[in-house]
C-alpha cells in the first residue's frame, strides 16, 4: 500500500492501483472535514465516513462523498453517482466541480444525523441519516443488501483508493459537539 500512496508536491497522492484505502485511526460521529482534492481524467474516488472494518470494503457500511470526473467517467452520467453526490443515494443539487486535473475544495459536515457536502464554496448535497427518506433511498439502491449500511453512528473516515490517480491536500478535521 505504501507504494500506491505517495506525498507529491505536498499532496497525499494515490499514484497507481486500486485497493489500499487510507483509514483514520480515530472514530468520528459529528465532525467537519475540509480538504482539497484533484482527480485524473476519467477517474473516480471518494471520502467515506461512519464506516466499520467488519466488512470486506468500507463502502459496505458508510456513505460516500463521491469524487469523479463527470465528463469522462460513466458515473458522471447518473446524477446519483456524479461528483458531489452521496454515492448511489442522493444527487447533488447543483454542479460546482472544476475539471479533472484541477484542485477542488470540499467539506463534509456531519452534525448528528444532518449531513452536508460542500464543493468549491457551494452546498451541493444535503440529507438526513436515520430517517424514513434515508431508509427508502437505501432500500432502492445497491446498498439494500448491506444490512448495516449507513447505520453506524460513529466510525473512521476513509480516503478511497478506487484505482484512479487522486490527490488530497489541506485535510483538516474538527469534532463537533
N, C-alpha and C. Protein backbone atom coordinates (compact mmCIF):
# COMPACT_ATOMS: atom_id res chain seq x y z
N UNK A 1 0.82 -1.19 0.00
CA UNK A 1 0.00 0.00 0.00
C UNK A 1 0.86 1.25 0.00
N UNK A 2 1.95 1.24 0.72
CA UNK A 2 2.78 2.44 0.83
C UNK A 2 3.25 2.92 -0.53
N UNK A 3 3.50 2.02 -1.47
CA UNK A 3 3.96 2.44 -2.79
C UNK A 3 2.84 3.09 -3.59
N UNK A 4 1.60 2.76 -3.30
CA UNK A 4 0.47 3.36 -4.03
C UNK A 4 0.23 4.80 -3.59
N UNK A 5 0.34 5.08 -2.31
CA UNK A 5 0.12 6.42 -1.77
C UNK A 5 1.48 7.07 -1.55
N UNK A 6 1.68 8.24 -2.14
CA UNK A 6 2.92 8.99 -2.01
C UNK A 6 2.59 10.44 -1.71
N UNK A 7 3.53 11.15 -1.11
CA UNK A 7 3.39 12.59 -0.96
C UNK A 7 4.11 13.22 -2.15
N UNK A 8 3.33 13.93 -2.98
CA UNK A 8 3.87 14.60 -4.15
C UNK A 8 3.45 16.07 -4.09
N UNK A 9 4.44 16.95 -4.10
CA UNK A 9 4.19 18.39 -4.06
C UNK A 9 3.25 18.76 -2.92
N UNK A 10 3.45 18.13 -1.76
CA UNK A 10 2.68 18.44 -0.57
C UNK A 10 1.30 17.82 -0.52
N UNK A 11 0.97 16.96 -1.48
CA UNK A 11 -0.35 16.33 -1.52
C UNK A 11 -0.22 14.82 -1.36
N UNK A 12 -1.11 14.25 -0.59
CA UNK A 12 -1.19 12.80 -0.42
C UNK A 12 -1.82 12.26 -1.70
N UNK A 13 -1.08 11.46 -2.45
CA UNK A 13 -1.48 11.09 -3.80
C UNK A 13 -1.51 9.59 -3.99
N UNK A 14 -2.63 9.09 -4.49
CA UNK A 14 -2.71 7.69 -4.92
C UNK A 14 -2.14 7.67 -6.32
N UNK A 15 -0.98 7.07 -6.47
CA UNK A 15 -0.27 7.14 -7.74
C UNK A 15 -0.68 6.03 -8.70
N UNK A 16 -1.06 4.87 -8.19
CA UNK A 16 -1.42 3.76 -9.07
C UNK A 16 -2.15 2.68 -8.29
N UNK A 17 -3.02 1.97 -8.96
CA UNK A 17 -3.64 0.78 -8.40
C UNK A 17 -4.83 1.02 -7.50
N UNK A 18 -5.73 0.05 -7.49
CA UNK A 18 -6.89 0.07 -6.60
C UNK A 18 -6.53 -0.61 -5.30
N UNK A 19 -7.40 -0.46 -4.32
CA UNK A 19 -7.14 -1.08 -3.02
C UNK A 19 -6.22 -0.23 -2.19
N UNK A 20 -6.18 -0.50 -0.92
CA UNK A 20 -5.31 0.27 -0.05
C UNK A 20 -5.92 1.59 0.37
N UNK A 21 -7.21 1.57 0.70
CA UNK A 21 -7.84 2.78 1.24
C UNK A 21 -7.06 3.28 2.44
N UNK A 22 -7.07 4.58 2.67
CA UNK A 22 -6.48 5.16 3.87
C UNK A 22 -7.59 5.41 4.88
N UNK A 23 -7.40 4.92 6.10
CA UNK A 23 -8.43 4.95 7.14
C UNK A 23 -7.89 5.67 8.36
N UNK A 24 -8.68 6.58 8.92
CA UNK A 24 -8.24 7.28 10.13
C UNK A 24 -8.13 6.31 11.29
N UNK A 25 -7.26 6.60 12.20
CA UNK A 25 -7.13 5.81 13.43
C UNK A 25 -8.31 6.09 14.34
N UNK A 26 -8.70 7.36 14.44
CA UNK A 26 -9.80 7.76 15.32
C UNK A 26 -11.15 7.57 14.65
N UNK A 27 -12.17 7.39 15.47
CA UNK A 27 -13.55 7.33 15.02
C UNK A 27 -14.17 8.71 15.20
N UNK A 28 -15.13 9.04 14.33
CA UNK A 28 -15.80 10.34 14.37
C UNK A 28 -17.30 10.13 14.27
N UNK A 29 -18.06 10.94 15.03
CA UNK A 29 -19.51 10.94 14.89
C UNK A 29 -19.92 12.25 14.23
N UNK A 30 -20.00 13.34 14.97
CA UNK A 30 -20.27 14.67 14.40
C UNK A 30 -18.94 15.37 14.15
N UNK A 31 -18.76 15.84 12.90
CA UNK A 31 -17.47 16.43 12.54
C UNK A 31 -17.62 17.34 11.33
N UNK A 32 -16.58 18.13 11.11
CA UNK A 32 -16.44 18.91 9.88
C UNK A 32 -15.08 18.55 9.29
N UNK A 33 -15.09 18.04 8.07
CA UNK A 33 -13.86 17.69 7.35
C UNK A 33 -13.74 18.60 6.15
N UNK A 34 -12.63 19.33 6.09
CA UNK A 34 -12.33 20.19 4.95
C UNK A 34 -11.10 19.64 4.25
N UNK A 35 -11.12 19.65 2.92
CA UNK A 35 -9.99 19.11 2.17
C UNK A 35 -10.03 19.62 0.74
N UNK A 36 -8.89 19.53 0.08
CA UNK A 36 -8.81 19.81 -1.34
C UNK A 36 -8.51 18.49 -2.04
N UNK A 37 -9.05 18.34 -3.23
CA UNK A 37 -8.84 17.11 -3.99
C UNK A 37 -8.70 17.43 -5.47
N UNK A 38 -7.98 16.52 -6.15
CA UNK A 38 -7.79 16.61 -7.60
C UNK A 38 -7.79 15.19 -8.13
N UNK A 39 -8.49 14.97 -9.23
CA UNK A 39 -8.57 13.63 -9.79
C UNK A 39 -8.13 13.65 -11.25
N UNK A 40 -7.58 12.51 -11.69
CA UNK A 40 -7.13 12.37 -13.07
C UNK A 40 -8.33 12.25 -14.01
N UNK A 41 -8.12 12.54 -15.27
CA UNK A 41 -9.16 12.41 -16.28
C UNK A 41 -9.73 10.99 -16.25
N UNK A 42 -11.06 10.90 -16.18
CA UNK A 42 -11.74 9.62 -16.17
C UNK A 42 -11.79 8.94 -14.82
N UNK A 43 -11.22 9.57 -13.80
CA UNK A 43 -11.09 8.93 -12.50
C UNK A 43 -12.32 8.98 -11.62
N UNK A 44 -12.27 8.14 -10.59
CA UNK A 44 -13.33 8.06 -9.58
C UNK A 44 -12.69 7.71 -8.25
N UNK A 45 -13.16 8.36 -7.19
CA UNK A 45 -12.69 8.09 -5.84
C UNK A 45 -13.77 8.59 -4.89
N UNK A 46 -13.44 8.73 -3.61
CA UNK A 46 -14.41 9.25 -2.68
C UNK A 46 -13.88 9.32 -1.27
N UNK A 47 -14.67 9.95 -0.42
CA UNK A 47 -14.40 10.02 1.00
C UNK A 47 -15.61 9.44 1.71
N UNK A 48 -15.39 8.42 2.53
CA UNK A 48 -16.46 7.75 3.25
C UNK A 48 -16.34 8.05 4.74
N UNK A 49 -17.46 7.94 5.44
CA UNK A 49 -17.45 8.17 6.88
C UNK A 49 -18.42 7.22 7.56
N UNK A 50 -18.30 7.14 8.89
CA UNK A 50 -19.12 6.23 9.70
C UNK A 50 -19.03 4.80 9.17
N UNK A 51 -17.82 4.39 8.87
CA UNK A 51 -17.62 3.03 8.35
C UNK A 51 -17.20 2.10 9.48
N UNK A 52 -17.24 0.83 9.18
CA UNK A 52 -16.70 -0.18 10.08
C UNK A 52 -15.81 -1.08 9.25
N UNK A 53 -14.80 -1.62 9.86
CA UNK A 53 -13.91 -2.53 9.15
C UNK A 53 -14.36 -3.98 9.31
N UNK A 54 -15.63 -4.16 9.67
CA UNK A 54 -16.19 -5.51 9.83
C UNK A 54 -16.56 -6.15 8.50
N UNK A 55 -16.48 -5.38 7.41
CA UNK A 55 -16.85 -5.88 6.09
C UNK A 55 -15.64 -5.87 5.17
N UNK A 56 -15.80 -6.48 4.00
CA UNK A 56 -14.70 -6.56 3.04
C UNK A 56 -14.25 -5.17 2.57
N UNK A 57 -15.22 -4.27 2.33
CA UNK A 57 -14.89 -2.92 1.88
C UNK A 57 -15.63 -1.88 2.72
N UNK A 58 -15.06 -0.70 2.77
CA UNK A 58 -15.68 0.41 3.52
C UNK A 58 -17.03 0.79 2.94
N UNK A 59 -17.19 0.68 1.63
CA UNK A 59 -18.44 1.10 1.00
C UNK A 59 -19.63 0.25 1.42
N UNK A 60 -19.40 -0.86 2.08
CA UNK A 60 -20.50 -1.69 2.56
C UNK A 60 -21.14 -1.14 3.83
N UNK A 61 -20.51 -0.12 4.44
CA UNK A 61 -21.05 0.36 5.71
C UNK A 61 -21.31 1.86 5.78
N UNK A 62 -20.55 2.69 5.06
CA UNK A 62 -20.69 4.13 5.25
C UNK A 62 -20.95 4.92 4.00
N UNK A 63 -21.65 6.05 4.14
CA UNK A 63 -21.92 6.94 3.00
C UNK A 63 -20.64 7.48 2.39
N UNK A 64 -20.72 7.83 1.10
CA UNK A 64 -19.55 8.31 0.37
C UNK A 64 -19.84 9.64 -0.32
N UNK A 65 -18.95 10.60 -0.10
CA UNK A 65 -18.91 11.84 -0.88
C UNK A 65 -18.14 11.45 -2.13
N UNK A 66 -18.82 11.41 -3.27
CA UNK A 66 -18.19 10.89 -4.48
C UNK A 66 -17.37 11.95 -5.20
N UNK A 67 -16.15 11.58 -5.57
CA UNK A 67 -15.23 12.43 -6.32
C UNK A 67 -15.00 11.74 -7.66
N UNK A 68 -15.41 12.38 -8.74
CA UNK A 68 -15.35 11.72 -10.04
C UNK A 68 -15.22 12.76 -11.15
N UNK A 69 -14.61 12.36 -12.24
CA UNK A 69 -14.56 13.18 -13.45
C UNK A 69 -15.86 12.94 -14.20
N UNK A 70 -16.84 13.83 -14.01
CA UNK A 70 -18.15 13.66 -14.63
C UNK A 70 -18.10 13.61 -16.16
N UNK A 71 -17.13 14.26 -16.75
CA UNK A 71 -17.07 14.33 -18.21
C UNK A 71 -16.60 13.03 -18.85
N UNK A 72 -15.74 12.27 -18.16
CA UNK A 72 -15.12 11.10 -18.78
C UNK A 72 -15.39 9.78 -18.08
N UNK A 73 -16.03 9.80 -16.92
CA UNK A 73 -16.31 8.57 -16.20
C UNK A 73 -17.79 8.26 -16.31
N UNK A 74 -18.17 7.00 -16.55
CA UNK A 74 -19.59 6.65 -16.67
C UNK A 74 -20.44 7.06 -15.45
N UNK A 75 -19.84 7.09 -14.26
CA UNK A 75 -20.58 7.52 -13.07
C UNK A 75 -21.11 8.95 -13.21
N UNK A 76 -20.42 9.77 -13.99
CA UNK A 76 -20.84 11.15 -14.18
C UNK A 76 -22.13 11.32 -14.95
N UNK A 77 -22.56 10.27 -15.62
CA UNK A 77 -23.81 10.33 -16.41
C UNK A 77 -25.05 10.16 -15.54
N UNK A 78 -24.91 9.59 -14.35
CA UNK A 78 -26.03 9.37 -13.43
C UNK A 78 -25.91 10.38 -12.30
N UNK A 79 -26.90 11.26 -12.11
CA UNK A 79 -26.79 12.27 -11.05
C UNK A 79 -26.50 11.67 -9.66
N UNK A 80 -27.01 10.48 -9.36
CA UNK A 80 -26.79 9.89 -8.04
C UNK A 80 -25.38 9.32 -7.86
N UNK A 81 -24.58 9.31 -8.93
CA UNK A 81 -23.18 8.88 -8.80
C UNK A 81 -22.22 9.93 -9.36
N UNK A 82 -22.72 11.11 -9.60
CA UNK A 82 -21.88 12.19 -10.13
C UNK A 82 -21.08 12.85 -9.00
N UNK A 83 -20.20 13.76 -9.39
CA UNK A 83 -19.35 14.43 -8.40
C UNK A 83 -20.21 15.20 -7.40
N UNK A 84 -19.89 15.03 -6.12
CA UNK A 84 -20.61 15.71 -5.05
C UNK A 84 -21.83 14.97 -4.56
N UNK A 85 -22.13 13.84 -5.16
CA UNK A 85 -23.29 13.05 -4.71
C UNK A 85 -22.96 12.27 -3.45
N UNK A 86 -24.01 11.85 -2.75
CA UNK A 86 -23.87 10.80 -1.75
C UNK A 86 -24.02 9.54 -2.59
N UNK A 87 -22.93 8.90 -2.88
CA UNK A 87 -22.84 7.87 -3.92
C UNK A 87 -24.03 6.91 -3.92
N UNK A 88 -24.75 6.89 -5.06
CA UNK A 88 -25.83 5.96 -5.27
C UNK A 88 -27.13 6.29 -4.57
N UNK A 89 -27.15 7.38 -3.78
CA UNK A 89 -28.34 7.69 -2.98
C UNK A 89 -28.92 9.07 -3.24
N UNK A 90 -28.11 10.10 -3.18
CA UNK A 90 -28.59 11.47 -3.33
C UNK A 90 -27.76 12.22 -4.37
N UNK A 91 -28.44 12.75 -5.36
CA UNK A 91 -27.79 13.56 -6.39
C UNK A 91 -27.47 14.95 -5.84
N UNK A 92 -26.42 15.56 -6.33
CA UNK A 92 -26.15 16.94 -5.92
C UNK A 92 -27.25 17.88 -6.41
N UNK A 93 -27.46 18.95 -5.66
CA UNK A 93 -28.47 19.95 -6.00
C UNK A 93 -28.02 20.84 -7.15
N UNK A 94 -26.71 20.98 -7.30
CA UNK A 94 -26.14 21.83 -8.34
C UNK A 94 -24.73 21.37 -8.65
N UNK A 95 -24.20 21.81 -9.79
CA UNK A 95 -22.84 21.48 -10.20
C UNK A 95 -21.89 22.57 -9.70
N UNK A 96 -20.72 22.14 -9.24
CA UNK A 96 -19.75 23.13 -8.76
C UNK A 96 -18.30 22.68 -8.94
N UNK A 97 -18.08 21.54 -9.58
CA UNK A 97 -16.73 20.98 -9.69
C UNK A 97 -15.92 21.65 -10.78
N UNK A 98 -14.62 21.69 -10.55
CA UNK A 98 -13.67 22.08 -11.58
C UNK A 98 -13.36 20.84 -12.43
N UNK A 99 -12.80 21.05 -13.59
CA UNK A 99 -12.50 19.93 -14.48
C UNK A 99 -11.39 19.05 -13.90
N UNK A 100 -11.34 17.81 -14.37
CA UNK A 100 -10.31 16.87 -13.93
C UNK A 100 -8.94 17.51 -14.08
N UNK A 101 -8.08 17.24 -13.10
CA UNK A 101 -6.74 17.79 -13.10
C UNK A 101 -6.61 19.10 -12.35
N UNK A 102 -7.74 19.75 -12.04
CA UNK A 102 -7.71 20.99 -11.26
C UNK A 102 -8.10 20.70 -9.82
N UNK A 103 -7.63 21.53 -8.90
CA UNK A 103 -7.95 21.37 -7.48
C UNK A 103 -9.37 21.84 -7.18
N UNK A 104 -10.04 21.09 -6.32
CA UNK A 104 -11.37 21.41 -5.81
C UNK A 104 -11.28 21.50 -4.29
N UNK A 105 -12.09 22.34 -3.69
CA UNK A 105 -12.17 22.42 -2.23
C UNK A 105 -13.49 21.80 -1.82
N UNK A 106 -13.44 20.90 -0.83
CA UNK A 106 -14.65 20.20 -0.39
C UNK A 106 -14.76 20.20 1.12
N UNK A 107 -16.00 20.04 1.59
CA UNK A 107 -16.29 19.91 3.02
C UNK A 107 -17.38 18.87 3.19
N UNK A 108 -17.22 18.10 4.24
CA UNK A 108 -18.26 17.19 4.71
C UNK A 108 -18.59 17.63 6.12
N UNK A 109 -19.85 17.95 6.36
CA UNK A 109 -20.28 18.33 7.71
C UNK A 109 -21.32 17.32 8.15
N UNK A 110 -21.03 16.64 9.24
CA UNK A 110 -21.97 15.68 9.82
C UNK A 110 -22.26 16.17 11.23
N UNK A 111 -23.51 16.56 11.47
CA UNK A 111 -23.92 17.05 12.78
C UNK A 111 -25.11 16.19 13.22
N UNK A 112 -24.82 15.21 14.07
CA UNK A 112 -25.80 14.18 14.44
C UNK A 112 -26.21 13.48 13.15
N UNK A 113 -27.50 13.54 12.75
CA UNK A 113 -27.96 12.88 11.53
C UNK A 113 -27.95 13.78 10.30
N UNK A 114 -27.69 15.07 10.48
CA UNK A 114 -27.70 16.02 9.37
C UNK A 114 -26.35 16.01 8.65
N UNK A 115 -26.38 15.84 7.32
CA UNK A 115 -25.15 15.76 6.53
C UNK A 115 -25.20 16.78 5.40
N UNK A 116 -24.10 17.50 5.22
CA UNK A 116 -23.94 18.46 4.13
C UNK A 116 -22.64 18.19 3.41
N UNK A 117 -22.69 18.23 2.08
CA UNK A 117 -21.50 18.16 1.25
C UNK A 117 -21.37 19.52 0.56
N UNK A 118 -20.19 20.11 0.65
CA UNK A 118 -19.89 21.38 0.01
C UNK A 118 -18.78 21.16 -1.02
N UNK A 119 -18.86 21.90 -2.12
CA UNK A 119 -17.87 21.79 -3.18
C UNK A 119 -17.59 23.18 -3.74
N UNK A 120 -16.36 23.61 -3.59
CA UNK A 120 -15.94 24.92 -4.08
C UNK A 120 -16.85 26.04 -3.59
N UNK A 121 -17.19 25.99 -2.30
CA UNK A 121 -17.98 27.02 -1.65
C UNK A 121 -19.49 26.92 -1.87
N UNK A 122 -19.94 25.87 -2.54
CA UNK A 122 -21.36 25.69 -2.84
C UNK A 122 -21.87 24.44 -2.13
N UNK A 123 -22.99 24.58 -1.43
CA UNK A 123 -23.62 23.41 -0.81
C UNK A 123 -24.23 22.58 -1.94
N UNK A 124 -23.74 21.35 -2.12
CA UNK A 124 -24.19 20.54 -3.26
C UNK A 124 -25.13 19.41 -2.88
N UNK A 125 -25.00 18.86 -1.69
CA UNK A 125 -25.84 17.73 -1.29
C UNK A 125 -26.16 17.85 0.20
N UNK A 126 -27.43 17.60 0.53
CA UNK A 126 -27.89 17.66 1.92
C UNK A 126 -28.82 16.47 2.14
N UNK A 127 -28.62 15.77 3.25
CA UNK A 127 -29.52 14.67 3.58
C UNK A 127 -29.48 14.39 5.08
N UNK A 128 -30.42 13.59 5.52
CA UNK A 128 -30.52 13.21 6.94
C UNK A 128 -30.38 11.70 7.06
N UNK A 129 -29.48 11.27 7.90
CA UNK A 129 -29.33 9.84 8.21
C UNK A 129 -30.45 9.41 9.15
N UNK A 130 -30.73 8.13 9.16
CA UNK A 130 -31.68 7.53 10.11
C UNK A 130 -33.06 8.17 10.05
N UNK A 131 -33.55 8.37 8.82
CA UNK A 131 -34.90 8.90 8.61
C UNK A 131 -35.64 7.96 7.66
N UNK A 132 -36.93 8.17 7.48
CA UNK A 132 -37.69 7.37 6.52
C UNK A 132 -37.17 7.58 5.10
N UNK A 133 -36.82 8.82 4.77
CA UNK A 133 -36.29 9.09 3.44
C UNK A 133 -34.97 8.35 3.22
N UNK A 134 -34.09 8.39 4.21
CA UNK A 134 -32.81 7.68 4.12
C UNK A 134 -33.06 6.19 3.90
N UNK A 135 -33.94 5.60 4.70
CA UNK A 135 -34.25 4.17 4.58
C UNK A 135 -34.80 3.85 3.19
N UNK A 136 -35.64 4.72 2.65
CA UNK A 136 -36.21 4.50 1.32
C UNK A 136 -35.13 4.57 0.24
N UNK A 137 -34.22 5.53 0.36
CA UNK A 137 -33.13 5.66 -0.61
C UNK A 137 -32.24 4.42 -0.58
N UNK A 138 -31.89 3.97 0.61
CA UNK A 138 -31.04 2.78 0.76
C UNK A 138 -31.76 1.55 0.20
N UNK A 139 -33.04 1.39 0.52
CA UNK A 139 -33.81 0.23 0.06
C UNK A 139 -33.90 0.17 -1.46
N UNK A 140 -33.85 1.32 -2.13
CA UNK A 140 -33.97 1.37 -3.59
C UNK A 140 -32.61 1.36 -4.28
N UNK A 141 -31.55 1.07 -3.55
CA UNK A 141 -30.19 1.12 -4.10
C UNK A 141 -29.47 -0.21 -3.97
N UNK A 142 -28.25 -0.24 -4.46
CA UNK A 142 -27.42 -1.45 -4.32
C UNK A 142 -27.09 -1.73 -2.85
N UNK A 143 -27.26 -0.74 -1.99
CA UNK A 143 -26.93 -0.90 -0.58
C UNK A 143 -28.02 -1.64 0.20
N UNK A 144 -29.15 -1.91 -0.42
CA UNK A 144 -30.26 -2.61 0.25
C UNK A 144 -29.82 -3.98 0.78
N UNK A 145 -28.85 -4.59 0.12
CA UNK A 145 -28.37 -5.93 0.52
C UNK A 145 -27.30 -5.85 1.61
N UNK A 146 -27.00 -4.65 2.06
CA UNK A 146 -25.96 -4.43 3.08
C UNK A 146 -26.65 -3.97 4.35
N UNK A 147 -26.91 -4.90 5.29
CA UNK A 147 -27.79 -4.61 6.43
C UNK A 147 -27.34 -3.48 7.34
N UNK A 148 -26.06 -3.21 7.45
CA UNK A 148 -25.58 -2.16 8.35
C UNK A 148 -25.24 -0.86 7.62
N UNK A 149 -25.54 -0.79 6.32
CA UNK A 149 -25.15 0.40 5.58
C UNK A 149 -25.83 1.66 6.14
N UNK A 150 -25.00 2.64 6.48
CA UNK A 150 -25.50 3.92 6.98
C UNK A 150 -26.05 3.88 8.38
N UNK A 151 -25.88 2.75 9.06
CA UNK A 151 -26.44 2.60 10.41
C UNK A 151 -25.38 2.72 11.50
N UNK A 152 -24.14 2.94 11.12
CA UNK A 152 -23.04 3.07 12.08
C UNK A 152 -22.98 4.54 12.52
N UNK A 153 -23.22 4.86 13.79
CA UNK A 153 -23.27 6.26 14.21
C UNK A 153 -21.90 6.92 14.40
N UNK A 154 -20.86 6.10 14.45
CA UNK A 154 -19.52 6.65 14.70
C UNK A 154 -18.51 5.68 14.09
N UNK A 155 -17.54 6.23 13.38
CA UNK A 155 -16.54 5.36 12.78
C UNK A 155 -15.45 6.17 12.12
N UNK A 156 -14.49 5.47 11.53
CA UNK A 156 -13.39 6.15 10.85
C UNK A 156 -13.84 6.86 9.57
N UNK A 157 -12.95 7.68 9.07
CA UNK A 157 -13.11 8.34 7.77
C UNK A 157 -12.13 7.66 6.82
N UNK A 158 -12.56 7.46 5.59
CA UNK A 158 -11.76 6.71 4.61
C UNK A 158 -11.53 7.54 3.36
N UNK A 159 -10.27 7.61 2.93
CA UNK A 159 -9.94 8.13 1.61
C UNK A 159 -9.90 6.92 0.70
N UNK A 160 -10.79 6.87 -0.27
CA UNK A 160 -10.97 5.67 -1.07
C UNK A 160 -9.95 5.59 -2.20
N UNK A 161 -9.35 4.42 -2.32
CA UNK A 161 -8.42 4.12 -3.40
C UNK A 161 -9.16 3.28 -4.44
N UNK A 162 -9.74 3.95 -5.43
CA UNK A 162 -10.56 3.24 -6.43
C UNK A 162 -9.80 2.94 -7.71
N UNK A 163 -8.52 3.24 -7.74
CA UNK A 163 -7.71 2.91 -8.90
C UNK A 163 -7.26 4.11 -9.72
N UNK A 164 -7.97 5.21 -9.62
CA UNK A 164 -7.61 6.41 -10.38
C UNK A 164 -6.59 7.23 -9.60
N UNK A 165 -5.78 7.95 -10.31
CA UNK A 165 -4.85 8.88 -9.66
C UNK A 165 -5.69 9.98 -9.02
N UNK A 166 -5.55 10.13 -7.72
CA UNK A 166 -6.28 11.14 -6.97
C UNK A 166 -5.33 11.71 -5.92
N UNK A 167 -5.48 12.99 -5.63
CA UNK A 167 -4.62 13.64 -4.64
C UNK A 167 -5.48 14.43 -3.66
N UNK A 168 -5.02 14.45 -2.41
CA UNK A 168 -5.68 15.19 -1.34
C UNK A 168 -4.65 16.08 -0.66
N UNK A 169 -5.06 17.27 -0.29
CA UNK A 169 -4.17 18.16 0.47
C UNK A 169 -5.03 19.02 1.39
N UNK A 170 -4.35 19.64 2.35
CA UNK A 170 -5.00 20.53 3.32
C UNK A 170 -6.19 19.88 4.01
N UNK A 171 -6.01 18.63 4.42
CA UNK A 171 -7.05 17.91 5.16
C UNK A 171 -7.10 18.42 6.59
N UNK A 172 -8.28 18.86 7.00
CA UNK A 172 -8.48 19.37 8.36
C UNK A 172 -9.79 18.84 8.89
N UNK A 173 -9.74 18.27 10.08
CA UNK A 173 -10.97 17.74 10.67
C UNK A 173 -11.19 18.35 12.04
N UNK A 174 -12.45 18.61 12.33
CA UNK A 174 -12.82 19.19 13.61
C UNK A 174 -14.03 18.44 14.14
N UNK A 175 -13.90 17.93 15.36
CA UNK A 175 -15.04 17.29 16.01
C UNK A 175 -16.06 18.36 16.34
N UNK A 176 -17.33 18.07 16.12
CA UNK A 176 -18.40 18.98 16.51
C UNK A 176 -19.01 18.48 17.83
N UNK A 177 -19.47 19.42 18.67
CA UNK A 177 -20.05 19.00 19.96
C UNK A 177 -21.34 18.21 19.78
